[in-house]
Amino acid sequence: MNARALVAWNVRRIRVERGIPQEQLAYDAGIDRSYMGRIEQQKENPTIDLLDRIATTLGIHLSELFFEPAKGATPPKTMSRGRKPARQCRNRT
């Protein structure tokens, strides 16, 4: 796994494990939410300074963003967006 993939995997894994929405992590780290999404999708190559800010925001050491996942580990699942179920219409009589 290359460095960009490791960072994407670990940022998402730690964020999901801690129940932090992507929007909140981006806000707390001082970056745009869409940029954070692209980091998690391996579409961006963030600077070491930005990775340090993300790690600090997550409360981890920067090196944790480069840990190799265990063989056979499944990718971190996405968090529920917390949307409310559709309202059911009541029959009015």
C-alpha atoms as a PDB file:
ATOM      1  CA  MET A   1       0.000   0.000   0.000  1.00  0.00           C
ATOM      2  CA  ASN A   2       1.444   3.397  -0.955  1.00  0.00           C
ATOM      3  CA  ALA A   3       1.710   6.340   1.467  1.00  0.00           C
ATOM      4  CA  ARG A   4      -1.355   8.143   0.101  1.00  0.00           C
ATOM      5  CA  ALA A   5      -3.452   4.995   0.501  1.00  0.00           C
ATOM      6  CA  LEU A   6      -2.145   4.465   4.055  1.00  0.00           C
ATOM      7  CA  VAL A   7      -3.033   8.013   5.045  1.00  0.00           C
ATOM      8  CA  ALA A   8      -6.500   7.724   3.501  1.00  0.00           C
ATOM      9  CA  TRP A   9      -7.136   4.379   5.219  1.00  0.00           C
ATOM     10  CA  ASN A  10      -5.956   5.540   8.636  1.00  0.00           C
ATOM     11  CA  VAL A  11      -7.621   8.958   8.644  1.00  0.00           C
ATOM     12  CA  ARG A  12     -10.939   7.351   7.767  1.00  0.00           C
ATOM     13  CA  ARG A  13     -10.457   4.429  10.186  1.00  0.00           C
ATOM     14  CA  ILE A  14      -9.628   6.646  13.149  1.00  0.00           C
ATOM     15  CA  ARG A  15     -12.332   9.178  12.309  1.00  0.00           C
ATOM     16  CA  VAL A  16     -15.028   6.498  12.012  1.00  0.00           C
ATOM     17  CA  GLU A  17     -13.852   4.636  15.154  1.00  0.00           C
ATOM     18  CA  ARG A  18     -14.191   7.868  17.116  1.00  0.00           C
ATOM     19  CA  GLY A  19     -17.533   8.771  15.588  1.00  0.00           C
ATOM     20  CA  ILE A  20     -16.286  12.046  14.141  1.00  0.00           C
ATOM     21  CA  PRO A  21     -18.147  13.250  11.041  1.00  0.00           C
ATOM     22  CA  GLN A  22     -15.923  14.201   8.127  1.00  0.00           C
ATOM     23  CA  GLU A  23     -17.299  17.738   8.218  1.00  0.00           C
ATOM     24  CA  GLN A  24     -16.343  18.142  11.881  1.00  0.00           C
ATOM     25  CA  LEU A  25     -12.819  16.808  11.399  1.00  0.00           C
ATOM     26  CA  ALA A  26     -12.293  19.144   8.452  1.00  0.00           C
ATOM     27  CA  TYR A  27     -13.637  22.128  10.386  1.00  0.00           C
ATOM     28  CA  ASP A  28     -11.540  21.375  13.473  1.00  0.00           C
ATOM     29  CA  ALA A  29      -8.407  20.888  11.330  1.00  0.00           C
ATOM     30  CA  GLY A  30      -9.105  24.136   9.472  1.00  0.00           C
ATOM     31  CA  ILE A  31      -9.564  22.675   6.000  1.00  0.00           C
ATOM     32  CA  ASP A  32     -12.402  22.396   3.514  1.00  0.00           C
ATOM     33  CA  ARG A  33     -14.706  19.371   3.918  1.00  0.00           C
ATOM     34  CA  SER A  34     -14.431  18.469   0.242  1.00  0.00           C
ATOM     35  CA  TYR A  35     -10.639  18.477   0.520  1.00  0.00           C
ATOM     36  CA  MET A  36     -10.885  16.129   3.503  1.00  0.00           C
ATOM     37  CA  GLY A  37     -13.097  13.864   1.420  1.00  0.00           C
ATOM     38  CA  ARG A  38     -10.545  13.835  -1.377  1.00  0.00           C
ATOM     39  CA  ILE A  39      -7.795  12.928   1.133  1.00  0.00           C
ATOM     40  CA  GLU A  40      -9.886   9.938   2.259  1.00  0.00           C
ATOM     41  CA  GLN A  41     -10.451   9.000  -1.405  1.00  0.00           C
ATOM     42  CA  GLN A  42      -6.694   9.156  -2.160  1.00  0.00           C
ATOM     43  CA  LYS A  43      -7.256  11.986  -4.638  1.00  0.00           C
ATOM     44  CA  GLU A  44      -5.085  14.530  -2.800  1.00  0.00           C
ATOM     45  CA  ASN A  45      -1.482  14.522  -1.682  1.00  0.00           C
ATOM     46  CA  PRO A  46      -1.584  16.587   1.532  1.00  0.00           C
ATOM     47  CA  THR A  47       1.508  18.285   2.900  1.00  0.00           C
ATOM     48  CA  ILE A  48       3.201  16.979   6.010  1.00  0.00           C
ATOM     49  CA  ASP A  49       2.069  20.132   7.827  1.00  0.00           C
ATOM     50  CA  LEU A  50      -1.558  19.404   6.976  1.00  0.00           C
ATOM     51  CA  LEU A  51      -1.183  15.765   8.027  1.00  0.00           C
ATOM     52  CA  ASP A  52       0.268  16.985  11.316  1.00  0.00           C
ATOM     53  CA  ARG A  53      -2.789  19.233  11.832  1.00  0.00           C
ATOM     54  CA  ILE A  54      -5.143  16.334  11.077  1.00  0.00           C
ATOM     55  CA  ALA A  55      -3.240  14.048  13.473  1.00  0.00           C
ATOM     56  CA  THR A  56      -3.311  16.714  16.189  1.00  0.00           C
ATOM     57  CA  THR A  57      -7.039  17.195  15.666  1.00  0.00           C
ATOM     58  CA  LEU A  58      -7.559  13.432  15.985  1.00  0.00           C
ATOM     59  CA  GLY A  59      -5.364  13.370  19.090  1.00  0.00           C
ATOM     60  CA  ILE A  60      -2.831  10.953  17.622  1.00  0.00           C
ATOM     61  CA  HIS A  61       0.847  10.998  16.726  1.00  0.00           C
ATOM     62  CA  LEU A  62       1.547  11.740  13.074  1.00  0.00           C
ATOM     63  CA  SER A  63       3.134   8.301  12.628  1.00  0.00           C
ATOM     64  CA  GLU A  64      -0.245   6.611  13.227  1.00  0.00           C
ATOM     65  CA  LEU A  65      -1.384   7.864   9.826  1.00  0.00           C
ATOM     66  CA  PHE A  66       1.199   5.564   8.214  1.00  0.00           C
ATOM     67  CA  PHE A  67       0.408   2.270   9.999  1.00  0.00           C
ATOM     68  CA  GLU A  68      -0.117  -0.692   7.684  1.00  0.00           C
ATOM     69  CA  PRO A  69      -3.514  -2.365   8.156  1.00  0.00           C
ATOM     70  CA  ALA A  70      -3.480  -6.031   9.120  1.00  0.00           C
ATOM     71  CA  LYS A  71      -3.684  -8.529   6.286  1.00  0.00           C
ATOM     72  CA  GLY A  72      -7.292  -9.094   5.338  1.00  0.00           C
ATOM     73  CA  ALA A  73      -8.511  -6.008   7.202  1.00  0.00           C
ATOM     74  CA  THR A  74     -11.714  -4.615   5.778  1.00  0.00           C
ATOM     75  CA  PRO A  75     -11.856  -0.963   4.786  1.00  0.00           C
ATOM     76  CA  PRO A  76     -13.441   1.360   7.324  1.00  0.00           C
ATOM     77  CA  LYS A  77     -17.161   1.743   6.782  1.00  0.00           C
ATOM     78  CA  THR A  78     -18.760   5.093   6.251  1.00  0.00           C
ATOM     79  CA  MET A  79     -20.638   6.727   9.048  1.00  0.00           C
ATOM     80  CA  SER A  80     -24.361   7.179   8.873  1.00  0.00           C
ATOM     81  CA  ARG A  81     -25.278  10.692   7.858  1.00  0.00           C
ATOM     82  CA  GLY A  82     -27.869  10.792  10.599  1.00  0.00           C
ATOM     83  CA  ARG A  83     -30.725  11.537   8.298  1.00  0.00           C
ATOM     84  CA  LYS A  84     -34.161  11.225   9.705  1.00  0.00           C
ATOM     85  CA  PRO A  85     -36.464   8.587   8.221  1.00  0.00           C
ATOM     86  CA  ALA A  86     -39.102   9.876   5.841  1.00  0.00           C
ATOM     87  CA  ARG A  87     -42.228  11.078   7.553  1.00  0.00           C
ATOM     88  CA  GLN A  88     -45.284   8.996   6.998  1.00  0.00           C
ATOM     89  CA  CYS A  89     -48.418  10.773   5.936  1.00  0.00           C
ATOM     90  CA  ARG A  90     -51.342  10.432   8.278  1.00  0.00           C
ATOM     91  CA  ASN A  91     -54.770   9.947   6.875  1.00  0.00           C
ATOM     92  CA  ARG A  92     -56.905  12.818   7.927  1.00  0.00           C
ATOM     93  CA  THR A  93     -60.563  12.053   8.290  1.00  0.00           C
END
